[in-house]
């Protein structure tokens, strides 16, 4: 059985936004709402994991003492 293609962050986010729009329609059945909710939660988790990976990989390059360059971990406020 072929492996399911992993979506990029942007593709996952686009799909998540489409799911939210679909769920906002008043004519959506409960069954469809539940299926969309489940898929949306999986996509949301995938997006959060990708963001965590990106944050962990980023280093802030700072110029220090003239021309010396040092790396420092990116510290995002609120974390």
PDB file of N, CA and C in Angstrom:
ATOM      1  N   UNK A   1       0.843  -1.179   0.000  1.00  0.00           N
ATOM      2  CA  UNK A   1       0.000   0.000   0.000  1.00  0.00           C
ATOM      3  C   UNK A   1       0.889   1.244   0.000  1.00  0.00           C
ATOM      4  N   UNK A   2       0.652   2.217  -0.903  1.00  0.00           N
ATOM      5  CA  UNK A   2       1.501   3.408  -0.955  1.00  0.00           C
ATOM      6  C   UNK A   2       1.362   4.252   0.298  1.00  0.00           C
ATOM      7  N   UNK A   3       2.487   4.841   0.656  1.00  0.00           N
ATOM      8  CA  UNK A   3       2.502   5.708   1.832  1.00  0.00           C
ATOM      9  C   UNK A   3       1.838   7.040   1.522  1.00  0.00           C
ATOM     10  N   UNK A   4       1.085   7.548   2.476  1.00  0.00           N
ATOM     11  CA  UNK A   4       0.396   8.821   2.306  1.00  0.00           C
ATOM     12  C   UNK A   4       1.422   9.951   2.267  1.00  0.00           C
ATOM     13  N   UNK A   5       1.285  10.851   1.275  1.00  0.00           N
ATOM     14  CA  UNK A   5       2.196  11.988   1.146  1.00  0.00           C
ATOM     15  C   UNK A   5       2.022  12.909   2.346  1.00  0.00           C
ATOM     16  N   UNK A   6       3.138  13.263   2.957  1.00  0.00           N
ATOM     17  CA  UNK A   6       3.080  14.190   4.080  1.00  0.00           C
ATOM     18  C   UNK A   6       2.916  15.609   3.545  1.00  0.00           C
ATOM     19  N   UNK A   7       1.978  16.325   4.116  1.00  0.00           N
ATOM     20  CA  UNK A   7       1.715  17.694   3.684  1.00  0.00           C
ATOM     21  C   UNK A   7       2.747  18.644   4.273  1.00  0.00           C
ATOM     22  N   UNK A   8       3.053  19.697   3.524  1.00  0.00           N
ATOM     23  CA  UNK A   8       3.920  20.741   4.061  1.00  0.00           C
ATOM     24  C   UNK A   8       3.129  21.535   5.094  1.00  0.00           C
ATOM     25  N   UNK A   9       3.823  22.366   5.840  1.00  0.00           N
ATOM     26  CA  UNK A   9       3.160  23.218   6.830  1.00  0.00           C
ATOM     27  C   UNK A   9       2.095  24.076   6.152  1.00  0.00           C
ATOM     28  N   UNK A  10       2.477  24.676   5.029  1.00  0.00           N
ATOM     29  CA  UNK A  10       1.561  25.568   4.324  1.00  0.00           C
ATOM     30  C   UNK A  10       0.335  24.820   3.802  1.00  0.00           C
ATOM     31  N   UNK A  11       0.549  23.612   3.263  1.00  0.00           N
ATOM     32  CA  UNK A  11      -0.572  22.804   2.777  1.00  0.00           C
ATOM     33  C   UNK A  11      -1.501  22.418   3.928  1.00  0.00           C
ATOM     34  N   UNK A  12      -0.907  22.039   5.054  1.00  0.00           N
ATOM     35  CA  UNK A  12      -1.707  21.673   6.228  1.00  0.00           C
ATOM     36  C   UNK A  12      -2.523  22.856   6.719  1.00  0.00           C
ATOM     37  N   UNK A  13      -1.903  24.016   6.758  1.00  0.00           N
ATOM     38  CA  UNK A  13      -2.596  25.220   7.221  1.00  0.00           C
ATOM     39  C   UNK A  13      -3.733  25.597   6.271  1.00  0.00           C
ATOM     40  N   UNK A  14      -3.482  25.510   4.959  1.00  0.00           N
ATOM     41  CA  UNK A  14      -4.534  25.796   3.978  1.00  0.00           C
ATOM     42  C   UNK A  14      -5.706  24.836   4.138  1.00  0.00           C
ATOM     43  N   UNK A  15      -5.387  23.561   4.317  1.00  0.00           N
ATOM     44  CA  UNK A  15      -6.432  22.550   4.475  1.00  0.00           C
ATOM     45  C   UNK A  15      -7.214  22.793   5.773  1.00  0.00           C
ATOM     46  N   UNK A  16      -6.507  23.161   6.823  1.00  0.00           N
ATOM     47  CA  UNK A  16      -7.153  23.459   8.102  1.00  0.00           C
ATOM     48  C   UNK A  16      -8.107  24.648   7.966  1.00  0.00           C
ATOM     49  N   UNK A  17      -7.673  25.679   7.254  1.00  0.00           N
ATOM     50  CA  UNK A  17      -8.534  26.845   7.036  1.00  0.00           C
ATOM     51  C   UNK A  17      -9.779  26.468   6.233  1.00  0.00           C
ATOM     52  N   UNK A  18      -9.626  25.583   5.238  1.00  0.00           N
ATOM     53  CA  UNK A  18     -10.770  25.133   4.443  1.00  0.00           C
ATOM     54  C   UNK A  18     -11.747  24.332   5.306  1.00  0.00           C
ATOM     55  N   UNK A  19     -11.213  23.537   6.215  1.00  0.00           N
ATOM     56  CA  UNK A  19     -12.059  22.752   7.119  1.00  0.00           C
ATOM     57  C   UNK A  19     -12.859  23.677   8.030  1.00  0.00           C
ATOM     58  N   UNK A  20     -12.209  24.700   8.555  1.00  0.00           N
ATOM     59  CA  UNK A  20     -12.907  25.660   9.424  1.00  0.00           C
ATOM     60  C   UNK A  20     -14.044  26.333   8.656  1.00  0.00           C
ATOM     61  N   UNK A  21     -13.765  26.744   7.422  1.00  0.00           N
ATOM     62  CA  UNK A  21     -14.812  27.368   6.606  1.00  0.00           C
ATOM     63  C   UNK A  21     -15.974  26.407   6.388  1.00  0.00           C
ATOM     64  N   UNK A  22     -15.666  25.140   6.093  1.00  0.00           N
ATOM     65  CA  UNK A  22     -16.713  24.134   5.871  1.00  0.00           C
ATOM     66  C   UNK A  22     -17.534  23.914   7.136  1.00  0.00           C
ATOM     67  N   UNK A  23     -16.862  23.919   8.284  1.00  0.00           N
ATOM     68  CA  UNK A  23     -17.563  23.692   9.548  1.00  0.00           C
ATOM     69  C   UNK A  23     -18.471  24.861   9.914  1.00  0.00           C
ATOM     70  N   UNK A  24     -18.163  26.040   9.410  1.00  0.00           N
ATOM     71  CA  UNK A  24     -18.969  27.220   9.710  1.00  0.00           C
ATOM     72  C   UNK A  24     -20.273  27.258   8.915  1.00  0.00           C
ATOM     73  N   UNK A  25     -20.402  26.396   7.914  1.00  0.00           N
ATOM     74  CA  UNK A  25     -21.632  26.340   7.125  1.00  0.00           C
ATOM     75  C   UNK A  25     -22.744  25.736   7.974  1.00  0.00           C
ATOM     76  N   UNK A  26     -23.883  26.367   7.988  1.00  0.00           N
ATOM     77  CA  UNK A  26     -24.975  25.902   8.848  1.00  0.00           C
ATOM     78  C   UNK A  26     -25.620  24.614   8.355  1.00  0.00           C
ATOM     79  N   UNK A  27     -25.390  24.247   7.096  1.00  0.00           N
ATOM     80  CA  UNK A  27     -26.024  23.051   6.557  1.00  0.00           C
ATOM     81  C   UNK A  27     -25.143  21.803   6.658  1.00  0.00           C
ATOM     82  N   UNK A  28     -24.065  21.865   7.422  1.00  0.00           N
ATOM     83  CA  UNK A  28     -23.162  20.733   7.580  1.00  0.00           C
ATOM     84  C   UNK A  28     -23.766  19.727   8.557  1.00  0.00           C
ATOM     85  N   UNK A  29     -23.750  18.457   8.156  1.00  0.00           N
ATOM     86  CA  UNK A  29     -24.309  17.412   9.025  1.00  0.00           C
ATOM     87  C   UNK A  29     -23.389  17.154  10.218  1.00  0.00           C
ATOM     88  N   UNK A  30     -23.952  16.575  11.257  1.00  0.00           N
ATOM     89  CA  UNK A  30     -23.168  16.250  12.447  1.00  0.00           C
ATOM     90  C   UNK A  30     -22.037  15.282  12.096  1.00  0.00           C
ATOM     91  N   UNK A  31     -22.331  14.313  11.244  1.00  0.00           N
ATOM     92  CA  UNK A  31     -21.313  13.341  10.832  1.00  0.00           C
ATOM     93  C   UNK A  31     -20.141  14.053  10.145  1.00  0.00           C
ATOM     94  N   UNK A  32     -20.452  14.979   9.232  1.00  0.00           N
ATOM     95  CA  UNK A  32     -19.400  15.734   8.548  1.00  0.00           C
ATOM     96  C   UNK A  32     -18.650  16.647   9.512  1.00  0.00           C
ATOM     97  N   UNK A  33     -19.382  17.253  10.448  1.00  0.00           N
ATOM     98  CA  UNK A  33     -18.728  18.099  11.452  1.00  0.00           C
ATOM     99  C   UNK A  33     -17.707  17.307  12.259  1.00  0.00           C
ATOM    100  N   UNK A  34     -18.098  16.102  12.676  1.00  0.00           N
ATOM    101  CA  UNK A  34     -17.197  15.272  13.478  1.00  0.00           C
ATOM    102  C   UNK A  34     -15.978  14.829  12.667  1.00  0.00           C
ATOM    103  N   UNK A  35     -16.198  14.467  11.403  1.00  0.00           N
ATOM    104  CA  UNK A  35     -15.078  14.067  10.539  1.00  0.00           C
ATOM    105  C   UNK A  35     -14.134  15.247  10.322  1.00  0.00           C
ATOM    106  N   UNK A  36     -14.702  16.428  10.067  1.00  0.00           N
ATOM    107  CA  UNK A  36     -13.880  17.626   9.878  1.00  0.00           C
ATOM    108  C   UNK A  36     -13.129  17.992  11.152  1.00  0.00           C
ATOM    109  N   UNK A  37     -13.795  17.870  12.292  1.00  0.00           N
ATOM    110  CA  UNK A  37     -13.161  18.172  13.575  1.00  0.00           C
ATOM    111  C   UNK A  37     -11.955  17.261  13.798  1.00  0.00           C
ATOM    112  N   UNK A  38     -12.137  15.970  13.559  1.00  0.00           N
ATOM    113  CA  UNK A  38     -11.052  15.004  13.754  1.00  0.00           C
ATOM    114  C   UNK A  38      -9.877  15.314  12.835  1.00  0.00           C
ATOM    115  N   UNK A  39     -10.172  15.555  11.562  1.00  0.00           N
ATOM    116  CA  UNK A  39      -9.103  15.878  10.616  1.00  0.00           C
ATOM    117  C   UNK A  39      -8.438  17.199  10.979  1.00  0.00           C
ATOM    118  N   UNK A  40      -9.238  18.181  11.385  1.00  0.00           N
ATOM    119  CA  UNK A  40      -8.694  19.478  11.772  1.00  0.00           C
ATOM    120  C   UNK A  40      -7.760  19.386  12.968  1.00  0.00           C
ATOM    121  N   UNK A  41      -8.119  18.561  13.940  1.00  0.00           N
ATOM    122  CA  UNK A  41      -7.259  18.387  15.115  1.00  0.00           C
ATOM    123  C   UNK A  41      -5.922  17.757  14.717  1.00  0.00           C
ATOM    124  N   UNK A  42      -5.955  16.784  13.820  1.00  0.00           N
ATOM    125  CA  UNK A  42      -4.714  16.148  13.346  1.00  0.00           C
ATOM    126  C   UNK A  42      -3.849  17.151  12.589  1.00  0.00           C
ATOM    127  N   UNK A  43      -4.481  17.939  11.730  1.00  0.00           N
ATOM    128  CA  UNK A  43      -3.741  18.955  10.978  1.00  0.00           C
ATOM    129  C   UNK A  43      -3.170  20.021  11.910  1.00  0.00           C
ATOM    130  N   UNK A  44      -3.953  20.434  12.903  1.00  0.00           N
ATOM    131  CA  UNK A  44      -3.474  21.419  13.871  1.00  0.00           C
ATOM    132  C   UNK A  44      -2.265  20.912  14.635  1.00  0.00           C
ATOM    133  N   UNK A  45      -2.313  19.652  15.043  1.00  0.00           N
ATOM    134  CA  UNK A  45      -1.179  19.051  15.761  1.00  0.00           C
ATOM    135  C   UNK A  45       0.050  18.982  14.861  1.00  0.00           C
ATOM    136  N   UNK A  46      -0.149  18.624  13.594  1.00  0.00           N
ATOM    137  CA  UNK A  46       0.970  18.563  12.648  1.00  0.00           C
ATOM    138  C   UNK A  46       1.591  19.951  12.470  1.00  0.00           C
ATOM    139  N   UNK A  47       0.756  20.976  12.386  1.00  0.00           N
ATOM    140  CA  UNK A  47       1.262  22.348  12.252  1.00  0.00           C
ATOM    141  C   UNK A  47       2.058  22.758  13.492  1.00  0.00           C
ATOM    142  N   UNK A  48       1.537  22.438  14.664  1.00  0.00           N
ATOM    143  CA  UNK A  48       2.248  22.773  15.902  1.00  0.00           C
ATOM    144  C   UNK A  48       3.594  22.062  15.981  1.00  0.00           C
ATOM    145  N   UNK A  49       3.645  20.811  15.545  1.00  0.00           N
ATOM    146  CA  UNK A  49       4.906  20.069  15.551  1.00  0.00           C
ATOM    147  C   UNK A  49       5.917  20.694  14.592  1.00  0.00           C
ATOM    148  N   UNK A  50       5.451  21.103  13.416  1.00  0.00           N
ATOM    149  CA  UNK A  50       6.345  21.750  12.455  1.00  0.00           C
ATOM    150  C   UNK A  50       6.875  23.073  13.001  1.00  0.00           C
ATOM    151  N   UNK A  51       6.015  23.832  13.648  1.00  0.00           N
ATOM    152  CA  UNK A  51       6.455  25.096  14.250  1.00  0.00           C
ATOM    153  C   UNK A  51       7.481  24.854  15.355  1.00  0.00           C
ATOM    154  N   UNK A  52       7.268  23.819  16.154  1.00  0.00           N
ATOM    155  CA  UNK A  52       8.216  23.494  17.224  1.00  0.00           C
ATOM    156  C   UNK A  52       9.567  23.097  16.637  1.00  0.00           C
ATOM    157  N   UNK A  53       9.551  22.329  15.543  1.00  0.00           N
ATOM    158  CA  UNK A  53      10.808  21.943  14.886  1.00  0.00           C
ATOM    159  C   UNK A  53      11.534  23.165  14.351  1.00  0.00           C
ATOM    160  N   UNK A  54      10.779  24.071  13.726  1.00  0.00           N
ATOM    161  CA  UNK A  54      11.386  25.276  13.164  1.00  0.00           C
ATOM    162  C   UNK A  54      11.987  26.144  14.262  1.00  0.00           C
ATOM    163  N   UNK A  55      11.261  26.282  15.361  1.00  0.00           N
ATOM    164  CA  UNK A  55      11.758  27.092  16.477  1.00  0.00           C
ATOM    165  C   UNK A  55      13.034  26.491  17.057  1.00  0.00           C
ATOM    166  N   UNK A  56      13.057  25.161  17.187  1.00  0.00           N
ATOM    167  CA  UNK A  56      14.233  24.495  17.742  1.00  0.00           C
ATOM    168  C   UNK A  56      15.440  24.638  16.821  1.00  0.00           C
ATOM    169  N   UNK A  57      15.196  24.716  15.514  1.00  0.00           N
ATOM    170  CA  UNK A  57      16.294  24.785  14.553  1.00  0.00           C
ATOM    171  C   UNK A  57      16.850  26.197  14.375  1.00  0.00           C
ATOM    172  N   UNK A  58      16.081  27.195  14.768  1.00  0.00           N
ATOM    173  CA  UNK A  58      16.526  28.579  14.551  1.00  0.00           C
ATOM    174  C   UNK A  58      17.540  29.033  15.589  1.00  0.00           C
ATOM    175  N   UNK A  59      18.547  29.640  15.105  1.00  0.00           N
ATOM    176  CA  UNK A  59      19.503  30.309  15.984  1.00  0.00           C
ATOM    177  C   UNK A  59      19.533  31.770  15.576  1.00  0.00           C
ATOM    178  N   UNK A  60      19.638  32.586  16.544  1.00  0.00           N
ATOM    179  CA  UNK A  60      19.717  34.009  16.278  1.00  0.00           C
ATOM    180  C   UNK A  60      21.189  34.375  16.147  1.00  0.00           C
ATOM    181  N   UNK A  61      21.542  34.944  15.019  1.00  0.00           N
ATOM    182  CA  UNK A  61      22.933  35.347  14.808  1.00  0.00           C
ATOM    183  C   UNK A  61      23.074  36.796  15.281  1.00  0.00           C
ATOM    184  N   UNK A  62      23.986  36.984  16.185  1.00  0.00           N
ATOM    185  CA  UNK A  62      24.170  38.306  16.775  1.00  0.00           C
ATOM    186  C   UNK A  62      25.599  38.774  16.513  1.00  0.00           C
ATOM    187  N   UNK A  63      25.729  40.002  16.120  1.00  0.00           N
ATOM    188  CA  UNK A  63      27.067  40.566  16.002  1.00  0.00           C
ATOM    189  C   UNK A  63      27.473  41.064  17.375  1.00  0.00           C
ATOM    190  N   UNK A  64      28.653  40.659  17.779  1.00  0.00           N
ATOM    191  CA  UNK A  64      29.139  40.986  19.106  1.00  0.00           C
ATOM    192  C   UNK A  64      30.589  41.444  19.014  1.00  0.00           C
ATOM    193  N   UNK A  65      30.960  42.387  19.796  1.00  0.00           N
ATOM    194  CA  UNK A  65      32.347  42.843  19.874  1.00  0.00           C
ATOM    195  C   UNK A  65      32.951  43.085  18.495  1.00  0.00           C
ATOM    196  N   UNK A  66      32.416  44.006  17.780  1.00  0.00           N
ATOM    197  CA  UNK A  66      32.978  44.323  16.469  1.00  0.00           C
ATOM    198  C   UNK A  66      32.518  43.349  15.409  1.00  0.00           C
ATOM    199  N   UNK A  67      33.485  42.617  14.850  1.00  0.00           N
ATOM    200  CA  UNK A  67      33.171  41.716  13.749  1.00  0.00           C
ATOM    201  C   UNK A  67      32.936  40.280  14.177  1.00  0.00           C
ATOM    202  N   UNK A  68      33.047  40.004  15.465  1.00  0.00           N
ATOM    203  CA  UNK A  68      32.810  38.633  15.916  1.00  0.00           C
ATOM    204  C   UNK A  68      31.319  38.321  15.831  1.00  0.00           C
ATOM    205  N   UNK A  69      31.019  37.140  15.379  1.00  0.00           N
ATOM    206  CA  UNK A  69      29.625  36.713  15.298  1.00  0.00           C
ATOM    207  C   UNK A  69      29.436  35.532  16.233  1.00  0.00           C
ATOM    208  N   UNK A  70      28.392  35.592  17.027  1.00  0.00           N
ATOM    209  CA  UNK A  70      28.091  34.507  17.955  1.00  0.00           C
ATOM    210  C   UNK A  70      26.670  34.030  17.703  1.00  0.00           C
ATOM    211  N   UNK A  71      26.420  32.779  18.019  1.00  0.00           N
ATOM    212  CA  UNK A  71      25.069  32.242  17.888  1.00  0.00           C
ATOM    213  C   UNK A  71      24.428  32.185  19.263  1.00  0.00           C
ATOM    214  N   UNK A  72      23.164  32.498  19.305  1.00  0.00           N
ATOM    215  CA  UNK A  72      22.411  32.403  20.549  1.00  0.00           C
ATOM    216  C   UNK A  72      21.076  31.753  20.233  1.00  0.00           C
ATOM    217  N   UNK A  73      20.563  30.989  21.173  1.00  0.00           N
ATOM    218  CA  UNK A  73      19.264  30.356  20.967  1.00  0.00           C
ATOM    219  C   UNK A  73      18.186  31.416  20.872  1.00  0.00           C
ATOM    220  N   UNK A  74      17.227  31.180  19.992  1.00  0.00           N
ATOM    221  CA  UNK A  74      16.107  32.088  19.851  1.00  0.00           C
ATOM    222  C   UNK A  74      15.196  31.920  21.055  1.00  0.00           C
ATOM    223  N   UNK A  75      14.925  33.010  21.752  1.00  0.00           N
ATOM    224  CA  UNK A  75      14.055  32.964  22.923  1.00  0.00           C
ATOM    225  C   UNK A  75      12.811  33.778  22.613  1.00  0.00           C
ATOM    226  N   UNK A  76      11.715  33.078  22.364  1.00  0.00           N
ATOM    227  CA  UNK A  76      10.465  33.756  22.043  1.00  0.00           C
ATOM    228  C   UNK A  76       9.712  33.998  23.338  1.00  0.00           C
ATOM    229  N   UNK A  77       9.327  35.257  23.562  1.00  0.00           N
ATOM    230  CA  UNK A  77       8.612  35.596  24.794  1.00  0.00           C
ATOM    231  C   UNK A  77       7.307  34.836  24.877  1.00  0.00           C
ATOM    232  N   UNK A  78       6.920  34.484  26.087  1.00  0.00           N
ATOM    233  CA  UNK A  78       5.682  33.759  26.296  1.00  0.00           C
ATOM    234  C   UNK A  78       5.865  32.258  26.306  1.00  0.00           C
ATOM    235  N   UNK A  79       7.061  31.793  26.138  1.00  0.00           N
ATOM    236  CA  UNK A  79       7.351  30.356  26.133  1.00  0.00           C
ATOM    237  C   UNK A  79       7.826  29.929  27.490  1.00  0.00           C
TER     238      UNK A  79
END
